[in-house]
Amino acid sequence: MTRARLNIFIEPEHARRLEDVSAHRGVSKSSVIAAALSSFLSPDAMDQREAAMAKRLDRLSRQFDRLERDQSILIEALALYVRHYLTLALPVPENQQEAVRAQGRARYAQFIEQLARHIQRGRSLVREIHEEIGPLDGVDAAAGGVDGEGAT
């Protein structure tokens, strides 16, 4: 079988890797390049690469959808908490505002420390609470209120 002669220019790093692979496998550089070209130009290889890429994109899409869902839940939970807090919070008299601010700063610092410990542990507070209280078997959703808006 006759072969076509090609003169190619490749990056020095690729030349070094080609030399290493051919020496390691005990084959010529031409045979390594021929095998690489066959693999690259093969329609099956193209389909396999496309399928692998589609699979990765599908996985990334599902991960993104979960992140988007989790973010929506987080935003909704925060909005419900803020509405609840603002509904129940009493106005602070003028003469007590400085003391309340100091207490707020202390509570915030404590919150940040607790958050840092929780993140370092790598454990989800939501999962931890769910495990502590267990599933809500037999609880009427209207009475318990999954969305926090049930009867009180």
N, C-alpha and C. Protein backbone atom coordinates (compact mmCIF):
# COMPACT_ATOMS: atom_id res chain seq x y z
N MET A 1 0.85 -1.17 0.00
CA MET A 1 0.00 0.00 0.00
C MET A 1 0.90 1.24 0.00
N THR A 2 0.59 2.14 -0.90
CA THR A 2 1.38 3.37 -0.96
C THR A 2 0.84 4.39 0.03
N ARG A 3 1.74 5.16 0.51
CA ARG A 3 1.35 6.18 1.48
C ARG A 3 1.74 7.55 0.92
N ALA A 4 0.96 8.55 1.32
CA ALA A 4 1.27 9.92 0.91
C ALA A 4 2.25 10.51 1.92
N ARG A 5 3.19 11.23 1.39
CA ARG A 5 4.18 11.86 2.26
C ARG A 5 3.68 13.26 2.61
N LEU A 6 3.72 13.59 3.91
CA LEU A 6 3.28 14.90 4.38
C LEU A 6 4.39 15.55 5.20
N ASN A 7 4.54 16.81 5.02
CA ASN A 7 5.43 17.59 5.88
C ASN A 7 4.52 18.49 6.72
N ILE A 8 4.60 18.33 8.02
CA ILE A 8 3.71 19.10 8.89
C ILE A 8 4.51 19.89 9.90
N PHE A 9 3.89 20.92 10.40
CA PHE A 9 4.48 21.72 11.46
C PHE A 9 3.59 21.57 12.69
N ILE A 10 4.20 21.16 13.79
CA ILE A 10 3.44 21.01 15.04
C ILE A 10 4.17 21.74 16.16
N GLU A 11 3.43 21.99 17.21
CA GLU A 11 4.00 22.66 18.37
C GLU A 11 5.10 21.79 18.98
N PRO A 12 6.12 22.40 19.55
CA PRO A 12 7.21 21.63 20.17
C PRO A 12 6.70 20.67 21.26
N GLU A 13 5.71 21.09 22.01
CA GLU A 13 5.15 20.22 23.06
C GLU A 13 4.51 18.98 22.44
N HIS A 14 3.79 19.16 21.33
CA HIS A 14 3.18 18.01 20.65
C HIS A 14 4.25 17.09 20.09
N ALA A 15 5.32 17.67 19.56
CA ALA A 15 6.42 16.86 19.03
C ALA A 15 7.05 16.03 20.15
N ARG A 16 7.23 16.64 21.32
CA ARG A 16 7.80 15.91 22.46
C ARG A 16 6.87 14.79 22.89
N ARG A 17 5.58 15.08 22.97
CA ARG A 17 4.62 14.04 23.38
C ARG A 17 4.54 12.92 22.35
N LEU A 18 4.61 13.28 21.06
CA LEU A 18 4.61 12.27 20.00
C LEU A 18 5.83 11.36 20.13
N GLU A 19 6.97 11.96 20.38
CA GLU A 19 8.21 11.19 20.58
C GLU A 19 8.07 10.25 21.77
N ASP A 20 7.53 10.75 22.88
CA ASP A 20 7.36 9.94 24.10
C ASP A 20 6.42 8.77 23.86
N VAL A 21 5.28 9.04 23.21
CA VAL A 21 4.29 7.97 22.97
C VAL A 21 4.86 6.91 22.04
N SER A 22 5.51 7.33 20.96
CA SER A 22 6.05 6.34 20.02
C SER A 22 7.16 5.51 20.67
N ALA A 23 7.99 6.14 21.50
CA ALA A 23 9.05 5.39 22.20
C ALA A 23 8.45 4.45 23.23
N HIS A 24 7.44 4.91 23.96
CA HIS A 24 6.82 4.10 25.01
C HIS A 24 6.12 2.87 24.42
N ARG A 25 5.47 3.05 23.28
CA ARG A 25 4.74 1.93 22.67
C ARG A 25 5.61 1.12 21.70
N GLY A 26 6.76 1.63 21.39
CA GLY A 26 7.66 0.91 20.49
C GLY A 26 7.18 0.91 19.06
N VAL A 27 6.55 1.98 18.63
CA VAL A 27 6.05 2.10 17.26
C VAL A 27 6.61 3.39 16.67
N SER A 28 6.44 3.52 15.36
CA SER A 28 6.95 4.72 14.70
C SER A 28 6.02 5.90 14.94
N LYS A 29 6.59 7.08 14.78
CA LYS A 29 5.78 8.30 14.92
C LYS A 29 4.70 8.34 13.84
N SER A 30 5.03 7.85 12.66
CA SER A 30 4.05 7.83 11.56
C SER A 30 2.83 6.99 11.93
N SER A 31 3.06 5.84 12.59
CA SER A 31 1.92 4.99 12.94
C SER A 31 1.07 5.64 14.04
N VAL A 32 1.70 6.37 14.97
CA VAL A 32 0.93 7.07 16.01
C VAL A 32 0.07 8.15 15.36
N ILE A 33 0.66 8.91 14.43
CA ILE A 33 -0.09 9.97 13.75
C ILE A 33 -1.19 9.37 12.89
N ALA A 34 -0.92 8.25 12.20
CA ALA A 34 -1.94 7.60 11.38
C ALA A 34 -3.11 7.13 12.24
N ALA A 35 -2.81 6.55 13.40
CA ALA A 35 -3.88 6.08 14.29
C ALA A 35 -4.70 7.27 14.82
N ALA A 36 -4.01 8.36 15.16
CA ALA A 36 -4.71 9.54 15.65
C ALA A 36 -5.60 10.14 14.57
N LEU A 37 -5.10 10.20 13.33
CA LEU A 37 -5.91 10.72 12.23
C LEU A 37 -7.10 9.81 11.94
N SER A 38 -6.88 8.50 11.97
CA SER A 38 -7.99 7.57 11.74
C SER A 38 -9.08 7.76 12.78
N SER A 39 -8.67 7.91 14.01
CA SER A 39 -9.63 8.11 15.08
C SER A 39 -10.36 9.44 14.91
N PHE A 40 -9.62 10.48 14.57
CA PHE A 40 -10.21 11.81 14.44
C PHE A 40 -11.15 11.89 13.25
N LEU A 41 -10.79 11.24 12.14
CA LEU A 41 -11.57 11.33 10.91
C LEU A 41 -12.68 10.29 10.83
N SER A 42 -12.70 9.34 11.73
CA SER A 42 -13.71 8.28 11.71
C SER A 42 -15.09 8.85 12.02
N PRO A 43 -16.10 8.50 11.19
CA PRO A 43 -17.45 8.98 11.48
C PRO A 43 -17.95 8.47 12.84
N ASP A 44 -17.56 7.25 13.21
CA ASP A 44 -17.97 6.71 14.50
C ASP A 44 -17.38 7.53 15.64
N ALA A 45 -16.13 7.91 15.48
CA ALA A 45 -15.48 8.70 16.53
C ALA A 45 -16.18 10.05 16.66
N MET A 46 -16.57 10.63 15.52
CA MET A 46 -17.28 11.90 15.56
C MET A 46 -18.62 11.74 16.28
N ASP A 47 -19.33 10.66 15.97
CA ASP A 47 -20.61 10.40 16.65
C ASP A 47 -20.40 10.19 18.14
N GLN A 48 -19.34 9.46 18.48
CA GLN A 48 -19.06 9.22 19.90
C GLN A 48 -18.74 10.52 20.62
N ARG A 49 -17.94 11.35 19.98
CA ARG A 49 -17.61 12.64 20.61
C ARG A 49 -18.86 13.50 20.76
N GLU A 50 -19.70 13.49 19.73
CA GLU A 50 -20.94 14.27 19.78
C GLU A 50 -21.87 13.74 20.87
N ALA A 51 -21.97 12.41 20.98
CA ALA A 51 -22.81 11.82 22.02
C ALA A 51 -22.27 12.14 23.41
N ALA A 52 -20.96 12.06 23.56
CA ALA A 52 -20.36 12.39 24.86
C ALA A 52 -20.60 13.85 25.20
N MET A 53 -20.47 14.72 24.22
CA MET A 53 -20.70 16.14 24.45
C MET A 53 -22.17 16.39 24.80
N ALA A 54 -23.09 15.73 24.09
CA ALA A 54 -24.51 15.89 24.39
C ALA A 54 -24.83 15.41 25.80
N LYS A 55 -24.21 14.29 26.19
CA LYS A 55 -24.42 13.75 27.53
C LYS A 55 -23.93 14.74 28.59
N ARG A 56 -22.76 15.32 28.36
CA ARG A 56 -22.23 16.32 29.31
C ARG A 56 -23.12 17.55 29.37
N LEU A 57 -23.58 18.00 28.20
CA LEU A 57 -24.46 19.17 28.18
C LEU A 57 -25.78 18.89 28.90
N ASP A 58 -26.32 17.68 28.71
CA ASP A 58 -27.55 17.31 29.43
C ASP A 58 -27.33 17.33 30.93
N ARG A 59 -26.20 16.77 31.37
CA ARG A 59 -25.88 16.75 32.80
C ARG A 59 -25.75 18.17 33.34
N LEU A 60 -25.04 19.02 32.60
CA LEU A 60 -24.88 20.42 33.02
C LEU A 60 -26.22 21.14 33.05
N SER A 61 -27.07 20.83 32.09
CA SER A 61 -28.39 21.45 32.05
C SER A 61 -29.22 21.05 33.27
N ARG A 62 -29.17 19.76 33.63
CA ARG A 62 -29.90 19.31 34.82
C ARG A 62 -29.34 19.96 36.09
N GLN A 63 -28.01 20.06 36.17
CA GLN A 63 -27.41 20.71 37.33
C GLN A 63 -27.82 22.18 37.41
N PHE A 64 -27.83 22.84 36.27
CA PHE A 64 -28.25 24.25 36.24
C PHE A 64 -29.70 24.38 36.65
N ASP A 65 -30.57 23.48 36.17
CA ASP A 65 -31.98 23.52 36.55
C ASP A 65 -32.15 23.35 38.05
N ARG A 66 -31.38 22.42 38.65
CA ARG A 66 -31.45 22.23 40.11
C ARG A 66 -30.98 23.48 40.85
N LEU A 67 -29.90 24.08 40.36
CA LEU A 67 -29.40 25.31 40.99
C LEU A 67 -30.44 26.42 40.89
N GLU A 68 -31.07 26.53 39.75
CA GLU A 68 -32.09 27.55 39.55
C GLU A 68 -33.28 27.30 40.47
N ARG A 69 -33.69 26.04 40.60
CA ARG A 69 -34.79 25.69 41.50
C ARG A 69 -34.42 26.00 42.94
N ASP A 70 -33.22 25.60 43.35
CA ASP A 70 -32.78 25.85 44.73
C ASP A 70 -32.70 27.34 45.01
N GLN A 71 -32.23 28.10 44.04
CA GLN A 71 -32.14 29.55 44.23
C GLN A 71 -33.54 30.15 44.36
N SER A 72 -34.48 29.68 43.57
CA SER A 72 -35.86 30.19 43.67
C SER A 72 -36.45 29.87 45.03
N ILE A 73 -36.19 28.67 45.54
CA ILE A 73 -36.69 28.29 46.86
C ILE A 73 -36.05 29.18 47.92
N LEU A 74 -34.76 29.40 47.80
CA LEU A 74 -34.05 30.25 48.77
C LEU A 74 -34.60 31.67 48.76
N ILE A 75 -34.81 32.23 47.59
CA ILE A 75 -35.34 33.59 47.49
C ILE A 75 -36.74 33.66 48.08
N GLU A 76 -37.57 32.67 47.77
CA GLU A 76 -38.94 32.65 48.29
C GLU A 76 -38.93 32.52 49.81
N ALA A 77 -38.08 31.64 50.34
CA ALA A 77 -38.00 31.47 51.80
C ALA A 77 -37.54 32.77 52.46
N LEU A 78 -36.57 33.42 51.88
CA LEU A 78 -36.10 34.69 52.44
C LEU A 78 -37.20 35.74 52.39
N ALA A 79 -37.91 35.82 51.28
CA ALA A 79 -39.00 36.80 51.16
C ALA A 79 -40.09 36.54 52.20
N LEU A 80 -40.45 35.26 52.40
CA LEU A 80 -41.45 34.93 53.41
C LEU A 80 -40.97 35.29 54.80
N TYR A 81 -39.71 35.02 55.09
CA TYR A 81 -39.16 35.35 56.41
C TYR A 81 -39.17 36.86 56.63
N VAL A 82 -38.73 37.62 55.64
CA VAL A 82 -38.70 39.08 55.77
C VAL A 82 -40.10 39.62 55.97
N ARG A 83 -41.07 39.12 55.20
CA ARG A 83 -42.45 39.58 55.37
C ARG A 83 -42.95 39.25 56.77
N HIS A 84 -42.66 38.04 57.24
CA HIS A 84 -43.07 37.62 58.58
C HIS A 84 -42.41 38.50 59.64
N TYR A 85 -41.11 38.73 59.51
CA TYR A 85 -40.38 39.55 60.48
C TYR A 85 -40.92 40.97 60.50
N LEU A 86 -41.10 41.55 59.32
CA LEU A 86 -41.57 42.93 59.26
C LEU A 86 -43.00 43.07 59.78
N THR A 87 -43.79 42.03 59.64
CA THR A 87 -45.16 42.06 60.15
C THR A 87 -45.16 42.05 61.67
N LEU A 88 -44.25 41.28 62.27
CA LEU A 88 -44.24 41.11 63.73
C LEU A 88 -43.32 42.07 64.47
N ALA A 89 -42.37 42.68 63.79
CA ALA A 89 -41.38 43.54 64.46
C ALA A 89 -42.05 44.80 65.00
N LEU A 90 -41.77 45.09 66.24
CA LEU A 90 -42.32 46.29 66.87
C LEU A 90 -41.35 47.45 66.67
N PRO A 91 -41.88 48.66 66.54
CA PRO A 91 -40.98 49.81 66.44
C PRO A 91 -40.21 50.00 67.74
N VAL A 92 -38.97 50.44 67.63
CA VAL A 92 -38.11 50.62 68.81
C VAL A 92 -38.21 52.08 69.26
N PRO A 93 -38.46 52.29 70.56
CA PRO A 93 -38.50 53.68 71.05
C PRO A 93 -37.15 54.37 70.83
N GLU A 94 -37.21 55.67 70.66
CA GLU A 94 -36.03 56.49 70.36
C GLU A 94 -34.91 56.29 71.38
N ASN A 95 -35.24 56.22 72.66
CA ASN A 95 -34.23 56.13 73.70
C ASN A 95 -33.56 54.75 73.78
N GLN A 96 -34.08 53.74 73.08
CA GLN A 96 -33.52 52.38 73.13
C GLN A 96 -32.82 51.98 71.83
N GLN A 97 -32.81 52.86 70.84
CA GLN A 97 -32.29 52.49 69.53
C GLN A 97 -30.81 52.14 69.54
N GLU A 98 -30.00 52.87 70.30
CA GLU A 98 -28.57 52.58 70.34
C GLU A 98 -28.31 51.21 70.95
N ALA A 99 -29.02 50.87 72.01
CA ALA A 99 -28.87 49.55 72.64
C ALA A 99 -29.30 48.45 71.68
N VAL A 100 -30.38 48.69 70.96
CA VAL A 100 -30.88 47.70 69.99
C VAL A 100 -29.86 47.53 68.86
N ARG A 101 -29.25 48.62 68.39
CA ARG A 101 -28.23 48.52 67.34
C ARG A 101 -27.03 47.70 67.83
N ALA A 102 -26.59 47.95 69.06
CA ALA A 102 -25.46 47.20 69.62
C ALA A 102 -25.81 45.71 69.72
N GLN A 103 -27.01 45.43 70.17
CA GLN A 103 -27.44 44.03 70.26
C GLN A 103 -27.52 43.42 68.86
N GLY A 104 -27.98 44.18 67.89
CA GLY A 104 -28.05 43.71 66.50
C GLY A 104 -26.68 43.38 65.95
N ARG A 105 -25.69 44.25 66.23
CA ARG A 105 -24.32 43.99 65.77
C ARG A 105 -23.77 42.71 66.40
N ALA A 106 -24.03 42.53 67.69
CA ALA A 106 -23.55 41.32 68.39
C ALA A 106 -24.22 40.08 67.82
N ARG A 107 -25.52 40.16 67.59
CA ARG A 107 -26.25 39.00 67.02
C ARG A 107 -25.75 38.70 65.61
N TYR A 108 -25.48 39.75 64.84
CA TYR A 108 -24.99 39.55 63.48
C TYR A 108 -23.62 38.87 63.49
N ALA A 109 -22.74 39.31 64.37
CA ALA A 109 -21.42 38.68 64.49
C ALA A 109 -21.56 37.22 64.88
N GLN A 110 -22.47 36.94 65.81
CA GLN A 110 -22.72 35.55 66.22
C GLN A 110 -23.26 34.74 65.05
N PHE A 111 -24.15 35.34 64.27
CA PHE A 111 -24.72 34.67 63.10
C PHE A 111 -23.62 34.32 62.09
N ILE A 112 -22.72 35.27 61.82
CA ILE A 112 -21.64 35.03 60.86
C ILE A 112 -20.72 33.92 61.35
N GLU A 113 -20.41 33.90 62.64
CA GLU A 113 -19.57 32.83 63.19
C GLU A 113 -20.25 31.48 63.06
N GLN A 114 -21.54 31.45 63.36
CA GLN A 114 -22.29 30.20 63.25
C GLN A 114 -22.36 29.74 61.79
N LEU A 115 -22.57 30.67 60.88
CA LEU A 115 -22.61 30.35 59.46
C LEU A 115 -21.27 29.77 59.00
N ALA A 116 -20.18 30.39 59.43
CA ALA A 116 -18.84 29.89 59.05
C ALA A 116 -18.62 28.48 59.57
N ARG A 117 -19.02 28.22 60.82
CA ARG A 117 -18.87 26.85 61.37
C ARG A 117 -19.70 25.86 60.56
N HIS A 118 -20.90 26.25 60.20
CA HIS A 118 -21.78 25.36 59.45
C HIS A 118 -21.19 25.05 58.07
N ILE A 119 -20.68 26.06 57.41
CA ILE A 119 -20.09 25.86 56.08
C ILE A 119 -18.85 24.99 56.17
N GLN A 120 -18.03 25.19 57.20
CA GLN A 120 -16.83 24.38 57.37
C GLN A 120 -17.17 22.92 57.61
N ARG A 121 -18.27 22.66 58.32
CA ARG A 121 -18.69 21.28 58.57
C ARG A 121 -19.15 20.61 57.29
N GLY A 122 -19.64 21.41 56.34
CA GLY A 122 -20.09 20.86 55.07
C GLY A 122 -21.43 20.16 55.17
N ARG A 123 -22.20 20.47 56.15
CA ARG A 123 -23.48 19.81 56.35
C ARG A 123 -24.60 20.82 56.12
N SER A 124 -25.66 20.42 55.47
CA SER A 124 -26.79 21.29 55.17
C SER A 124 -27.70 21.41 56.38
N LEU A 125 -28.00 22.64 56.79
CA LEU A 125 -28.91 22.86 57.91
C LEU A 125 -30.30 22.34 57.59
N VAL A 126 -30.75 22.55 56.37
CA VAL A 126 -32.08 22.07 55.97
C VAL A 126 -32.15 20.55 56.11
N ARG A 127 -31.12 19.85 55.63
CA ARG A 127 -31.10 18.39 55.73
C ARG A 127 -31.05 17.96 57.20
N GLU A 128 -30.25 18.67 58.00
CA GLU A 128 -30.12 18.36 59.42
C GLU A 128 -31.47 18.51 60.14
N ILE A 129 -32.16 19.60 59.87
CA ILE A 129 -33.48 19.83 60.49
C ILE A 129 -34.47 18.78 60.02
N HIS A 130 -34.44 18.47 58.74
CA HIS A 130 -35.35 17.46 58.20
C HIS A 130 -35.12 16.11 58.88
N GLU A 131 -33.87 15.75 59.12
CA GLU A 131 -33.57 14.49 59.80
C GLU A 131 -34.01 14.52 61.25
N GLU A 132 -33.92 15.69 61.90
CA GLU A 132 -34.33 15.80 63.30
C GLU A 132 -35.83 15.66 63.47
N ILE A 133 -36.60 16.31 62.61
CA ILE A 133 -38.06 16.28 62.78
C ILE A 133 -38.70 15.11 62.06
N GLY A 134 -38.01 14.54 61.10
CA GLY A 134 -38.54 13.40 60.36
C GLY A 134 -39.61 13.85 59.39
N PRO A 135 -40.13 12.90 58.60
CA PRO A 135 -41.18 13.25 57.64
C PRO A 135 -42.46 13.63 58.38
N LEU A 136 -43.23 14.49 57.77
CA LEU A 136 -44.47 14.96 58.37
C LEU A 136 -45.63 14.04 57.96
N ASP A 137 -45.58 12.76 58.35
CA ASP A 137 -46.62 11.81 58.00
C ASP A 137 -47.92 12.17 58.71
N GLY A 138 -49.00 12.16 57.95
CA GLY A 138 -50.31 12.36 58.54
C GLY A 138 -50.63 13.81 58.88
N VAL A 139 -49.76 14.73 58.56
CA VAL A 139 -50.04 16.14 58.85
C VAL A 139 -50.74 16.74 57.66
N ASP A 140 -51.88 17.38 57.93
CA ASP A 140 -52.64 18.02 56.87
C ASP A 140 -51.88 19.25 56.40
N ALA A 141 -51.63 19.36 55.11
CA ALA A 141 -50.86 20.48 54.58
C ALA A 141 -51.56 21.81 54.86
N ALA A 142 -52.90 21.82 54.89
CA ALA A 142 -53.61 23.06 55.16
C ALA A 142 -53.43 23.49 56.61
N ALA A 143 -53.34 22.53 57.52
CA ALA A 143 -53.18 22.85 58.93
C ALA A 143 -51.74 23.21 59.24
N GLY A 144 -50.80 22.42 58.69
CA GLY A 144 -49.38 22.66 58.98
C GLY A 144 -48.80 23.71 58.09
N GLY A 145 -49.27 23.73 56.87
CA GLY A 145 -48.81 24.75 55.93
C GLY A 145 -47.40 24.54 55.45
N VAL A 146 -47.26 23.86 54.32
CA VAL A 146 -45.95 23.67 53.74
C VAL A 146 -45.33 25.01 53.37
N ASP A 147 -46.19 25.95 52.93
CA ASP A 147 -45.67 27.24 52.51
C ASP A 147 -45.65 28.25 53.64
N GLY A 148 -45.96 27.81 54.86
CA GLY A 148 -45.89 28.70 56.00
C GLY A 148 -47.10 29.59 56.14
N GLU A 149 -48.13 29.35 55.30
CA GLU A 149 -49.29 30.21 55.32
C GLU A 149 -50.52 29.48 55.83
N GLY A 150 -50.35 28.31 56.46
CA GLY A 150 -51.48 27.55 56.98
C GLY A 150 -52.01 28.17 58.25
N ALA A 151 -52.93 27.46 58.89
CA ALA A 151 -53.54 27.95 60.12
C ALA A 151 -52.50 28.03 61.21
N THR A 152 -52.63 29.03 62.08
CA THR A 152 -51.68 29.19 63.18
C THR A 152 -52.36 29.03 64.50
